[in-house]
Amino acid sequence: MENNLKYSIIYANIRPEIAEKLSLGILIIENEKVNVLYSQKKLNVLKMLYTPKEYGVVSRMVRQELRKLNPQTLTYLTRYSNNLIAFSQIQNIDNTQSNINSDWLYKNYVYNS
């Protein structure tokens, strides 16, 4: 049985003019189910960098809205995102051949406490 893990990194665009961004979280796709892992500490940093309205949009999206999406919609978002939040291209990992799992991805791409 094939056991592929897919992921996309969630970024907050901090200074678009120089392409500076902050990795906020990661979208994990397994068996057509989307899971969102995010760093609350990094979201808190955005409170100082964004206006309250901008922060509210990004926070709500990361905490609630992304969980409702399907993998096809995520593929669309990796190509077209707004100026506050962006997503990396969806990557595939055959995790039967390695020790990579969602925790490993989160710690290596988002936040290693």
N, C-alpha and C. Protein backbone atom coordinates (compact mmCIF):
# COMPACT_ATOMS: atom_id res chain seq x y z
N MET A 1 0.84 -1.19 0.00
CA MET A 1 0.00 0.00 0.00
C MET A 1 0.88 1.24 0.00
N GLU A 2 0.57 2.16 -0.86
CA GLU A 2 1.33 3.41 -0.96
C GLU A 2 0.99 4.32 0.22
N ASN A 3 2.01 4.92 0.80
CA ASN A 3 1.80 5.76 1.97
C ASN A 3 2.51 7.10 1.75
N ASN A 4 1.96 7.93 0.91
CA ASN A 4 2.58 9.21 0.61
C ASN A 4 2.10 10.29 1.55
N LEU A 5 3.04 11.11 1.93
CA LEU A 5 2.77 12.27 2.77
C LEU A 5 3.00 13.49 1.89
N LYS A 6 2.06 14.41 1.91
CA LYS A 6 2.20 15.65 1.15
C LYS A 6 2.17 16.81 2.11
N TYR A 7 2.88 17.87 1.76
CA TYR A 7 2.89 19.03 2.63
C TYR A 7 3.11 20.31 1.84
N SER A 8 2.69 21.40 2.45
CA SER A 8 2.91 22.74 1.93
C SER A 8 3.17 23.65 3.12
N ILE A 9 4.16 24.50 3.01
CA ILE A 9 4.50 25.41 4.10
C ILE A 9 3.66 26.67 3.98
N ILE A 10 3.14 27.13 5.11
CA ILE A 10 2.34 28.36 5.17
C ILE A 10 3.28 29.51 5.55
N TYR A 11 3.30 30.54 4.74
CA TYR A 11 4.15 31.70 4.99
C TYR A 11 3.33 32.96 5.20
N ALA A 12 3.82 33.83 6.07
CA ALA A 12 3.29 35.19 6.18
C ALA A 12 4.26 36.09 5.45
N ASN A 13 3.76 36.87 4.53
CA ASN A 13 4.62 37.82 3.81
C ASN A 13 4.82 39.04 4.70
N ILE A 14 6.07 39.25 5.11
CA ILE A 14 6.37 40.33 6.04
C ILE A 14 6.75 41.61 5.28
N ARG A 15 7.67 41.48 4.36
CA ARG A 15 8.09 42.62 3.54
C ARG A 15 8.15 42.16 2.09
N PRO A 16 7.03 42.27 1.39
CA PRO A 16 6.96 41.77 0.02
C PRO A 16 7.98 42.38 -0.92
N GLU A 17 8.36 43.63 -0.67
CA GLU A 17 9.30 44.30 -1.58
C GLU A 17 10.66 43.61 -1.63
N ILE A 18 11.00 42.87 -0.59
CA ILE A 18 12.27 42.13 -0.61
C ILE A 18 12.03 40.62 -0.43
N ALA A 19 10.80 40.19 -0.61
CA ALA A 19 10.39 38.79 -0.52
C ALA A 19 10.71 38.17 0.84
N GLU A 20 10.62 38.97 1.91
CA GLU A 20 10.85 38.45 3.26
C GLU A 20 9.56 37.82 3.78
N LYS A 21 9.69 36.60 4.29
CA LYS A 21 8.51 35.90 4.78
C LYS A 21 8.87 35.08 6.00
N LEU A 22 7.83 34.72 6.75
CA LEU A 22 7.96 33.97 7.99
C LEU A 22 7.15 32.68 7.87
N SER A 23 7.77 31.55 8.12
CA SER A 23 7.03 30.28 8.06
C SER A 23 6.16 30.16 9.31
N LEU A 24 4.85 30.18 9.11
CA LEU A 24 3.89 30.14 10.22
C LEU A 24 3.45 28.73 10.57
N GLY A 25 3.38 27.89 9.57
CA GLY A 25 2.84 26.56 9.80
C GLY A 25 3.05 25.68 8.59
N ILE A 26 2.43 24.53 8.68
CA ILE A 26 2.56 23.56 7.60
C ILE A 26 1.22 22.85 7.41
N LEU A 27 0.87 22.63 6.16
CA LEU A 27 -0.32 21.87 5.80
C LEU A 27 0.13 20.45 5.50
N ILE A 28 -0.44 19.49 6.18
CA ILE A 28 -0.11 18.08 5.98
C ILE A 28 -1.30 17.42 5.30
N ILE A 29 -1.05 16.74 4.21
CA ILE A 29 -2.12 16.07 3.47
C ILE A 29 -1.81 14.57 3.47
N GLU A 30 -2.71 13.82 4.11
CA GLU A 30 -2.60 12.36 4.14
C GLU A 30 -3.98 11.78 3.88
N ASN A 31 -4.04 10.84 2.95
CA ASN A 31 -5.31 10.18 2.63
C ASN A 31 -6.41 11.20 2.33
N GLU A 32 -6.06 12.23 1.58
CA GLU A 32 -7.00 13.27 1.16
C GLU A 32 -7.57 14.08 2.33
N LYS A 33 -6.94 14.00 3.49
CA LYS A 33 -7.35 14.79 4.65
C LYS A 33 -6.27 15.85 4.92
N VAL A 34 -6.70 17.06 5.20
CA VAL A 34 -5.79 18.17 5.44
C VAL A 34 -5.68 18.43 6.94
N ASN A 35 -4.46 18.51 7.43
CA ASN A 35 -4.21 18.86 8.82
C ASN A 35 -3.31 20.10 8.83
N VAL A 36 -3.54 20.99 9.77
CA VAL A 36 -2.78 22.23 9.87
C VAL A 36 -2.01 22.24 11.18
N LEU A 37 -0.69 22.39 11.10
CA LEU A 37 0.15 22.58 12.28
C LEU A 37 0.74 23.98 12.16
N TYR A 38 0.61 24.79 13.21
CA TYR A 38 1.13 26.15 13.15
C TYR A 38 1.80 26.53 14.46
N SER A 39 2.62 27.56 14.40
CA SER A 39 3.32 28.05 15.58
C SER A 39 2.59 29.26 16.16
N GLN A 40 2.07 29.11 17.38
CA GLN A 40 1.40 30.22 18.04
C GLN A 40 2.39 31.35 18.32
N LYS A 41 3.64 31.02 18.64
CA LYS A 41 4.64 32.05 18.90
C LYS A 41 4.88 32.91 17.66
N LYS A 42 4.92 32.28 16.50
CA LYS A 42 5.11 33.05 15.27
C LYS A 42 3.87 33.87 14.93
N LEU A 43 2.70 33.34 15.21
CA LEU A 43 1.48 34.14 15.02
C LEU A 43 1.50 35.36 15.92
N ASN A 44 1.98 35.20 17.15
CA ASN A 44 2.07 36.34 18.08
C ASN A 44 3.02 37.41 17.57
N VAL A 45 4.08 37.02 16.88
CA VAL A 45 5.02 37.99 16.30
C VAL A 45 4.31 38.84 15.25
N LEU A 46 3.40 38.23 14.52
CA LEU A 46 2.67 38.97 13.49
C LEU A 46 1.82 40.10 14.06
N LYS A 47 1.41 39.99 15.33
CA LYS A 47 0.64 41.06 15.96
C LYS A 47 1.42 42.37 15.95
N MET A 48 2.75 42.27 16.02
CA MET A 48 3.59 43.47 16.02
C MET A 48 3.90 43.96 14.61
N LEU A 49 3.74 43.09 13.62
CA LEU A 49 4.13 43.43 12.25
C LEU A 49 2.95 43.81 11.36
N TYR A 50 1.77 43.31 11.66
CA TYR A 50 0.58 43.55 10.85
C TYR A 50 -0.37 44.49 11.60
N THR A 51 -1.26 45.10 10.85
CA THR A 51 -2.34 45.86 11.47
C THR A 51 -3.28 44.85 12.15
N PRO A 52 -4.12 45.28 13.09
CA PRO A 52 -5.05 44.34 13.71
C PRO A 52 -5.95 43.62 12.69
N LYS A 53 -6.38 44.32 11.67
CA LYS A 53 -7.24 43.71 10.65
C LYS A 53 -6.46 42.64 9.86
N GLU A 54 -5.24 42.96 9.46
CA GLU A 54 -4.41 42.00 8.72
C GLU A 54 -4.12 40.77 9.58
N TYR A 55 -3.76 41.01 10.84
CA TYR A 55 -3.49 39.90 11.76
C TYR A 55 -4.72 39.01 11.91
N GLY A 56 -5.88 39.63 12.04
CA GLY A 56 -7.11 38.87 12.19
C GLY A 56 -7.38 37.95 11.00
N VAL A 57 -7.13 38.46 9.80
CA VAL A 57 -7.34 37.66 8.59
C VAL A 57 -6.41 36.45 8.58
N VAL A 58 -5.13 36.69 8.82
CA VAL A 58 -4.14 35.61 8.77
C VAL A 58 -4.39 34.61 9.91
N SER A 59 -4.64 35.11 11.10
CA SER A 59 -4.86 34.25 12.26
C SER A 59 -6.07 33.36 12.04
N ARG A 60 -7.16 33.92 11.59
CA ARG A 60 -8.39 33.15 11.35
C ARG A 60 -8.15 32.10 10.26
N MET A 61 -7.42 32.48 9.23
CA MET A 61 -7.16 31.56 8.14
C MET A 61 -6.34 30.36 8.63
N VAL A 62 -5.28 30.63 9.39
CA VAL A 62 -4.40 29.56 9.86
C VAL A 62 -5.09 28.69 10.90
N ARG A 63 -5.83 29.31 11.81
CA ARG A 63 -6.45 28.55 12.91
C ARG A 63 -7.71 27.80 12.50
N GLN A 64 -8.47 28.34 11.54
CA GLN A 64 -9.78 27.75 11.25
C GLN A 64 -9.99 27.40 9.79
N GLU A 65 -9.82 28.36 8.92
CA GLU A 65 -10.26 28.21 7.53
C GLU A 65 -9.50 27.14 6.74
N LEU A 66 -8.20 27.02 6.95
CA LEU A 66 -7.41 26.07 6.16
C LEU A 66 -7.81 24.62 6.42
N ARG A 67 -8.32 24.35 7.60
CA ARG A 67 -8.74 22.98 7.95
C ARG A 67 -9.92 22.50 7.09
N LYS A 68 -10.67 23.43 6.55
CA LYS A 68 -11.87 23.10 5.79
C LYS A 68 -11.57 22.81 4.32
N LEU A 69 -10.34 23.03 3.89
CA LEU A 69 -10.01 22.91 2.48
C LEU A 69 -9.72 21.48 2.08
N ASN A 70 -9.89 21.23 0.79
CA ASN A 70 -9.51 19.93 0.25
C ASN A 70 -8.19 20.07 -0.51
N PRO A 71 -7.52 18.97 -0.81
CA PRO A 71 -6.21 19.05 -1.49
C PRO A 71 -6.25 19.79 -2.82
N GLN A 72 -7.34 19.71 -3.56
CA GLN A 72 -7.41 20.40 -4.84
C GLN A 72 -7.41 21.92 -4.65
N THR A 73 -8.12 22.39 -3.64
CA THR A 73 -8.14 23.82 -3.35
C THR A 73 -6.76 24.28 -2.90
N LEU A 74 -6.07 23.45 -2.14
CA LEU A 74 -4.71 23.81 -1.70
C LEU A 74 -3.77 23.95 -2.88
N THR A 75 -3.93 23.10 -3.87
CA THR A 75 -3.10 23.21 -5.08
C THR A 75 -3.32 24.56 -5.73
N TYR A 76 -4.55 25.02 -5.78
CA TYR A 76 -4.86 26.35 -6.31
C TYR A 76 -4.19 27.43 -5.48
N LEU A 77 -4.27 27.33 -4.15
CA LEU A 77 -3.70 28.36 -3.28
C LEU A 77 -2.18 28.48 -3.41
N THR A 78 -1.51 27.37 -3.74
CA THR A 78 -0.06 27.46 -3.89
C THR A 78 0.33 28.31 -5.10
N ARG A 79 -0.58 28.46 -6.02
CA ARG A 79 -0.30 29.30 -7.19
C ARG A 79 -0.83 30.72 -7.05
N TYR A 80 -1.93 30.89 -6.34
CA TYR A 80 -2.57 32.19 -6.22
C TYR A 80 -2.89 32.48 -4.76
N SER A 81 -2.11 33.34 -4.15
CA SER A 81 -2.41 33.71 -2.77
C SER A 81 -2.37 35.22 -2.64
N ASN A 82 -2.90 35.72 -1.53
CA ASN A 82 -2.95 37.17 -1.38
C ASN A 82 -1.61 37.70 -0.87
N ASN A 83 -1.54 38.97 -0.61
CA ASN A 83 -0.27 39.56 -0.21
C ASN A 83 0.07 39.34 1.26
N LEU A 84 -0.80 38.77 2.04
CA LEU A 84 -0.52 38.53 3.46
C LEU A 84 -0.02 37.11 3.72
N ILE A 85 -0.53 36.16 2.99
CA ILE A 85 -0.21 34.76 3.25
C ILE A 85 0.10 34.06 1.93
N ALA A 86 1.04 33.13 1.99
CA ALA A 86 1.44 32.39 0.79
C ALA A 86 1.71 30.94 1.19
N PHE A 87 1.75 30.08 0.19
CA PHE A 87 1.95 28.65 0.42
C PHE A 87 3.02 28.14 -0.54
N SER A 88 3.86 27.23 -0.04
CA SER A 88 4.84 26.61 -0.94
C SER A 88 4.11 25.61 -1.83
N GLN A 89 4.76 25.22 -2.91
CA GLN A 89 4.21 24.17 -3.75
C GLN A 89 4.06 22.91 -2.91
N ILE A 90 3.04 22.13 -3.20
CA ILE A 90 2.82 20.88 -2.46
C ILE A 90 3.91 19.89 -2.84
N GLN A 91 4.56 19.36 -1.81
CA GLN A 91 5.64 18.40 -1.97
C GLN A 91 5.16 17.02 -1.56
N ASN A 92 5.67 16.01 -2.23
CA ASN A 92 5.35 14.61 -1.95
C ASN A 92 6.53 13.92 -1.28
N ILE A 93 6.26 13.12 -0.27
CA ILE A 93 7.30 12.32 0.37
C ILE A 93 6.77 10.90 0.52
N ASP A 94 7.55 9.94 0.09
CA ASP A 94 7.18 8.55 0.33
C ASP A 94 7.72 8.21 1.71
N ASN A 95 6.88 8.32 2.72
CA ASN A 95 7.35 8.13 4.09
C ASN A 95 7.51 6.66 4.47
N THR A 96 7.26 5.75 3.55
CA THR A 96 7.58 4.35 3.83
C THR A 96 9.08 4.12 3.67
N GLN A 97 9.75 5.02 2.96
CA GLN A 97 11.18 4.89 2.69
C GLN A 97 12.04 5.75 3.61
N SER A 98 11.43 6.47 4.53
CA SER A 98 12.20 7.37 5.40
C SER A 98 11.50 7.51 6.75
N ASN A 99 12.14 8.25 7.63
CA ASN A 99 11.57 8.47 8.96
C ASN A 99 10.86 9.83 9.04
N ILE A 100 10.50 10.38 7.91
CA ILE A 100 9.85 11.69 7.87
C ILE A 100 8.36 11.53 8.16
N ASN A 101 7.88 12.33 9.11
CA ASN A 101 6.45 12.36 9.42
C ASN A 101 6.05 13.82 9.65
N SER A 102 4.80 14.06 10.03
CA SER A 102 4.32 15.43 10.17
C SER A 102 5.07 16.18 11.28
N ASP A 103 5.42 15.51 12.36
CA ASP A 103 6.19 16.18 13.43
C ASP A 103 7.57 16.60 12.95
N TRP A 104 8.23 15.73 12.19
CA TRP A 104 9.55 16.05 11.65
C TRP A 104 9.46 17.26 10.72
N LEU A 105 8.46 17.28 9.87
CA LEU A 105 8.28 18.41 8.95
C LEU A 105 8.06 19.70 9.71
N TYR A 106 7.20 19.67 10.71
CA TYR A 106 6.91 20.87 11.51
C TYR A 106 8.19 21.39 12.19
N LYS A 107 8.92 20.49 12.82
CA LYS A 107 10.14 20.90 13.54
C LYS A 107 11.22 21.44 12.60
N ASN A 108 11.30 20.91 11.40
CA ASN A 108 12.36 21.34 10.48
C ASN A 108 11.99 22.55 9.63
N TYR A 109 10.70 22.76 9.38
CA TYR A 109 10.31 23.86 8.51
C TYR A 109 9.61 25.01 9.21
N VAL A 110 9.08 24.78 10.42
CA VAL A 110 8.30 25.82 11.07
C VAL A 110 8.89 26.21 12.41
N TYR A 111 8.95 25.28 13.35
CA TYR A 111 9.35 25.66 14.70
C TYR A 111 9.93 24.47 15.44
N ASN A 112 11.15 24.61 15.88
CA ASN A 112 11.82 23.58 16.67
C ASN A 112 12.04 24.15 18.06
N SER A 113 11.19 23.78 19.00
CA SER A 113 11.28 24.35 20.35
C SER A 113 12.40 23.73 21.16
